[in-house]
C-alpha atoms as a PDB file:
ATOM      1  CA  VAL A   1      14.562  -2.861  -6.725  1.00  0.00           C
ATOM      2  CA  GLN A   2      11.875  -0.825  -8.404  1.00  0.00           C
ATOM      3  CA  LEU A   3       8.360  -0.584  -7.095  1.00  0.00           C
ATOM      4  CA  GLN A   4       5.536   1.124  -8.883  1.00  0.00           C
ATOM      5  CA  ALA A   5       2.173   1.935  -7.383  1.00  0.00           C
ATOM      6  CA  SER A   6      -0.791   2.485  -9.683  1.00  0.00           C
ATOM      7  CA  GLY A   7      -4.558   2.618  -9.634  1.00  0.00           C
ATOM      8  CA  GLY A   8      -5.064   5.970  -8.005  1.00  0.00           C
ATOM      9  CA  GLY A   9      -7.609   8.486  -9.168  1.00  0.00           C
ATOM     10  CA  SER A  10     -10.455  10.739  -8.161  1.00  0.00           C
ATOM     11  CA  VAL A  11     -13.599   9.324  -6.596  1.00  0.00           C
ATOM     12  CA  GLN A  12     -16.567  10.590  -4.658  1.00  0.00           C
ATOM     13  CA  PRO A  13     -16.979   9.830  -0.975  1.00  0.00           C
ATOM     14  CA  GLY A  14     -18.178   6.279  -0.528  1.00  0.00           C
ATOM     15  CA  GLY A  15     -16.455   5.128  -3.691  1.00  0.00           C
ATOM     16  CA  SER A  16     -13.798   2.471  -4.172  1.00  0.00           C
ATOM     17  CA  LEU A  17     -10.381   2.141  -5.720  1.00  0.00           C
ATOM     18  CA  ARG A  18      -7.901  -0.679  -5.972  1.00  0.00           C
ATOM     19  CA  LEU A  19      -4.228   0.157  -5.877  1.00  0.00           C
ATOM     20  CA  SER A  20      -1.582  -2.157  -7.231  1.00  0.00           C
ATOM     21  CA  CYS A  21       2.117  -2.295  -6.547  1.00  0.00           C
ATOM     22  CA  THR A  22       4.345  -4.148  -8.940  1.00  0.00           C
ATOM     23  CA  THR A  23       8.040  -4.740  -9.061  1.00  0.00           C
ATOM     24  CA  SER A  24      10.506  -4.678 -11.870  1.00  0.00           C
ATOM     25  CA  GLY A  25      14.039  -5.709 -12.429  1.00  0.00           C
ATOM     26  CA  ARG A  26      15.629  -8.472 -10.431  1.00  0.00           C
ATOM     27  CA  THR A  27      13.005  -8.233  -7.754  1.00  0.00           C
ATOM     28  CA  GLY A  28      10.635 -11.071  -8.395  1.00  0.00           C
ATOM     29  CA  ARG A  29      12.384 -13.363  -6.005  1.00  0.00           C
ATOM     30  CA  ILE A  30      12.768 -10.684  -3.402  1.00  0.00           C
ATOM     31  CA  ILE A  31       9.186  -9.540  -3.160  1.00  0.00           C
ATOM     32  CA  SER A  32       7.963 -13.057  -2.466  1.00  0.00           C
ATOM     33  CA  ASN A  33      10.258 -13.276   0.569  1.00  0.00           C
ATOM     34  CA  ASN A  34       9.533  -9.886   2.082  1.00  0.00           C
ATOM     35  CA  GLY A  35       6.707  -8.210   3.838  1.00  0.00           C
ATOM     36  CA  MET A  36       5.057  -5.386   1.939  1.00  0.00           C
ATOM     37  CA  GLY A  37       3.345  -2.251   3.139  1.00  0.00           C
ATOM     38  CA  TRP A  38       1.276   0.708   2.066  1.00  0.00           C
ATOM     39  CA  PHE A  39       1.755   4.214   3.378  1.00  0.00           C
ATOM     40  CA  ARG A  40       0.223   7.541   2.474  1.00  0.00           C
ATOM     41  CA  GLN A  41       1.045  11.189   2.749  1.00  0.00           C
ATOM     42  CA  ALA A  42      -1.455  13.996   2.593  1.00  0.00           C
ATOM     43  CA  PRO A  43      -0.452  17.584   1.800  1.00  0.00           C
ATOM     44  CA  GLY A  44       1.130  19.221   4.798  1.00  0.00           C
ATOM     45  CA  LYS A  45       1.136  16.005   6.813  1.00  0.00           C
ATOM     46  CA  GLU A  46       3.682  13.378   7.629  1.00  0.00           C
ATOM     47  CA  ARG A  47       3.701  10.041   5.917  1.00  0.00           C
ATOM     48  CA  GLU A  48       1.563   7.526   7.762  1.00  0.00           C
ATOM     49  CA  PHE A  49       1.130   3.790   7.792  1.00  0.00           C
ATOM     50  CA  VAL A  50      -1.932   2.342   6.076  1.00  0.00           C
ATOM     51  CA  ALA A  51      -1.623  -1.445   5.794  1.00  0.00           C
ATOM     52  CA  ALA A  52       0.938  -4.233   5.597  1.00  0.00           C
ATOM     53  CA  LEU A  53       1.205  -7.926   4.891  1.00  0.00           C
ATOM     54  CA  ASN A  54       3.833 -10.556   5.635  1.00  0.00           C
ATOM     55  CA  TRP A  55       5.509 -12.602   2.936  1.00  0.00           C
ATOM     56  CA  ARG A  56       2.865 -15.310   3.124  1.00  0.00           C
ATOM     57  CA  GLY A  57       0.058 -12.851   2.697  1.00  0.00           C
ATOM     58  CA  SER A  58      -1.356 -13.541   6.132  1.00  0.00           C
ATOM     59  CA  ASP A  59      -1.737 -11.588   9.387  1.00  0.00           C
ATOM     60  CA  PRO A  60      -2.467  -8.209   7.809  1.00  0.00           C
ATOM     61  CA  LEU A  61      -1.934  -5.021   9.749  1.00  0.00           C
ATOM     62  CA  TYR A  62      -4.111  -1.963   9.327  1.00  0.00           C
ATOM     63  CA  ALA A  63      -4.139   1.554  10.622  1.00  0.00           C
ATOM     64  CA  ASP A  64      -7.173   2.159  12.814  1.00  0.00           C
ATOM     65  CA  SER A  65      -8.412   4.786  10.383  1.00  0.00           C
ATOM     66  CA  VAL A  66      -8.810   2.238   7.556  1.00  0.00           C
ATOM     67  CA  LYS A  67      -9.837  -0.923   9.388  1.00  0.00           C
ATOM     68  CA  GLY A  68     -12.960  -2.436   7.939  1.00  0.00           C
ATOM     69  CA  ARG A  69     -12.676  -0.353   4.775  1.00  0.00           C
ATOM     70  CA  PHE A  70      -9.315  -1.293   3.242  1.00  0.00           C
ATOM     71  CA  THR A  71      -8.003  -4.749   2.414  1.00  0.00           C
ATOM     72  CA  VAL A  72      -4.391  -5.555   1.615  1.00  0.00           C
ATOM     73  CA  SER A  73      -3.481  -8.658  -0.361  1.00  0.00           C
ATOM     74  CA  ARG A  74      -0.678 -10.003  -2.499  1.00  0.00           C
ATOM     75  CA  ASP A  75      -0.048 -12.342  -5.392  1.00  0.00           C
ATOM     76  CA  ASN A  76       3.556 -13.449  -5.242  1.00  0.00           C
ATOM     77  CA  ALA A  77       3.301 -15.235  -8.576  1.00  0.00           C
ATOM     78  CA  LYS A  78       2.563 -11.867 -10.149  1.00  0.00           C
ATOM     79  CA  ASN A  79       4.944  -9.903  -7.921  1.00  0.00           C
ATOM     80  CA  THR A  80       2.042  -7.667  -7.045  1.00  0.00           C
ATOM     81  CA  VAL A  81       0.541  -6.284  -3.872  1.00  0.00           C
ATOM     82  CA  TYR A  82      -2.933  -4.788  -3.785  1.00  0.00           C
ATOM     83  CA  LEU A  83      -4.813  -2.335  -1.618  1.00  0.00           C
ATOM     84  CA  GLN A  84      -8.563  -2.485  -2.036  1.00  0.00           C
ATOM     85  CA  MET A  85     -10.070   0.713  -0.690  1.00  0.00           C
ATOM     86  CA  ASN A  86     -13.813   0.879  -0.079  1.00  0.00           C
ATOM     87  CA  SER A  87     -16.049   3.484   1.538  1.00  0.00           C
ATOM     88  CA  LEU A  88     -13.503   6.148   0.758  1.00  0.00           C
ATOM     89  CA  ARG A  89     -13.605   9.397   2.699  1.00  0.00           C
ATOM     90  CA  PRO A  90     -12.204  12.847   1.946  1.00  0.00           C
ATOM     91  CA  GLU A  91      -9.604  12.292   4.660  1.00  0.00           C
ATOM     92  CA  ASP A  92      -8.235   9.363   2.646  1.00  0.00           C
ATOM     93  CA  THR A  93      -6.976  11.854   0.068  1.00  0.00           C
ATOM     94  CA  ALA A  94      -3.218  11.442  -0.185  1.00  0.00           C
ATOM     95  CA  VAL A  95      -0.379  10.098  -2.254  1.00  0.00           C
ATOM     96  CA  TYR A  96      -0.164   6.371  -1.594  1.00  0.00           C
ATOM     97  CA  TYR A  97       3.158   4.539  -1.583  1.00  0.00           C
ATOM     98  CA  CYS A  98       4.025   0.875  -1.489  1.00  0.00           C
ATOM     99  CA  ALA A  99       7.186  -0.306   0.193  1.00  0.00           C
ATOM    100  CA  GLN A 100       9.171  -3.484   0.689  1.00  0.00           C
ATOM    101  CA  ASN A 101       9.966  -4.566   4.229  1.00  0.00           C
ATOM    102  CA  ARG A 102      13.538  -5.408   5.103  1.00  0.00           C
ATOM    103  CA  TRP A 103      12.280  -8.685   6.502  1.00  0.00           C
ATOM    104  CA  SER A 104       9.538 -11.209   5.923  1.00  0.00           C
ATOM    105  CA  GLY A 105       7.035  -9.858   8.393  1.00  0.00           C
ATOM    106  CA  ALA A 106       4.555  -7.026   8.280  1.00  0.00           C
ATOM    107  CA  GLY A 107       5.263  -3.792  10.098  1.00  0.00           C
ATOM    108  CA  SER A 108       3.810  -0.356  10.641  1.00  0.00           C
ATOM    109  CA  SER A 109       7.012   1.635  11.023  1.00  0.00           C
ATOM    110  CA  SER A 110       8.497   3.219   7.938  1.00  0.00           C
ATOM    111  CA  HIS A 111      11.940   2.399   9.302  1.00  0.00           C
ATOM    112  CA  GLN A 112      11.252  -1.266   8.637  1.00  0.00           C
ATOM    113  CA  TYR A 113      10.999  -0.632   4.912  1.00  0.00           C
ATOM    114  CA  ARG A 114      13.978  -0.332   2.636  1.00  0.00           C
ATOM    115  CA  TYR A 115      12.553   0.179  -0.833  1.00  0.00           C
ATOM    116  CA  TRP A 116       9.851   2.639  -1.735  1.00  0.00           C
ATOM    117  CA  GLY A 117       7.910   3.015  -4.926  1.00  0.00           C
ATOM    118  CA  ARG A 118       6.662   6.089  -6.638  1.00  0.00           C
ATOM    119  CA  GLY A 119       3.333   7.096  -5.245  1.00  0.00           C
ATOM    120  CA  THR A 120      -0.087   7.250  -6.787  1.00  0.00           C
ATOM    121  CA  GLN A 121      -2.523  10.050  -6.041  1.00  0.00           C
ATOM    122  CA  VAL A 122      -5.881   9.277  -4.482  1.00  0.00           C
ATOM    123  CA  THR A 123      -8.397  12.112  -4.276  1.00  0.00           C
ATOM    124  CA  VAL A 124     -11.750  11.708  -2.569  1.00  0.00           C
ATOM    125  CA  SER A 125     -14.030  14.642  -3.139  1.00  0.00           C
ATOM    126  CA  SER A 126     -17.599  15.431  -3.996  1.00  0.00           C
END
């Protein structure tokens, strides 16, 4: 299973970005049956949970720090998961990773995720 996150970049505080996570290989059938999540890791900090979605695309989970600003969604037909990030803050600066849950639900623990994609850098700075 190969996951690839994209859409990162540099924005000013208050700006927006939309991250995408796509799969490749023999994964199309798998991603539609599994929960998907987004995590991030800032320099010198541990990786932390950001948002997750179950296989249906319902009942999203969010870290308290991003609630009301970030929206996670998925399009199983396109094997893609999205993270819409609005009202970005400097503290959102990190490398963002998408991951595939071992099961169909959403979860906030990294231990629940078995496949991880390459990250995409998000930098929020004035």
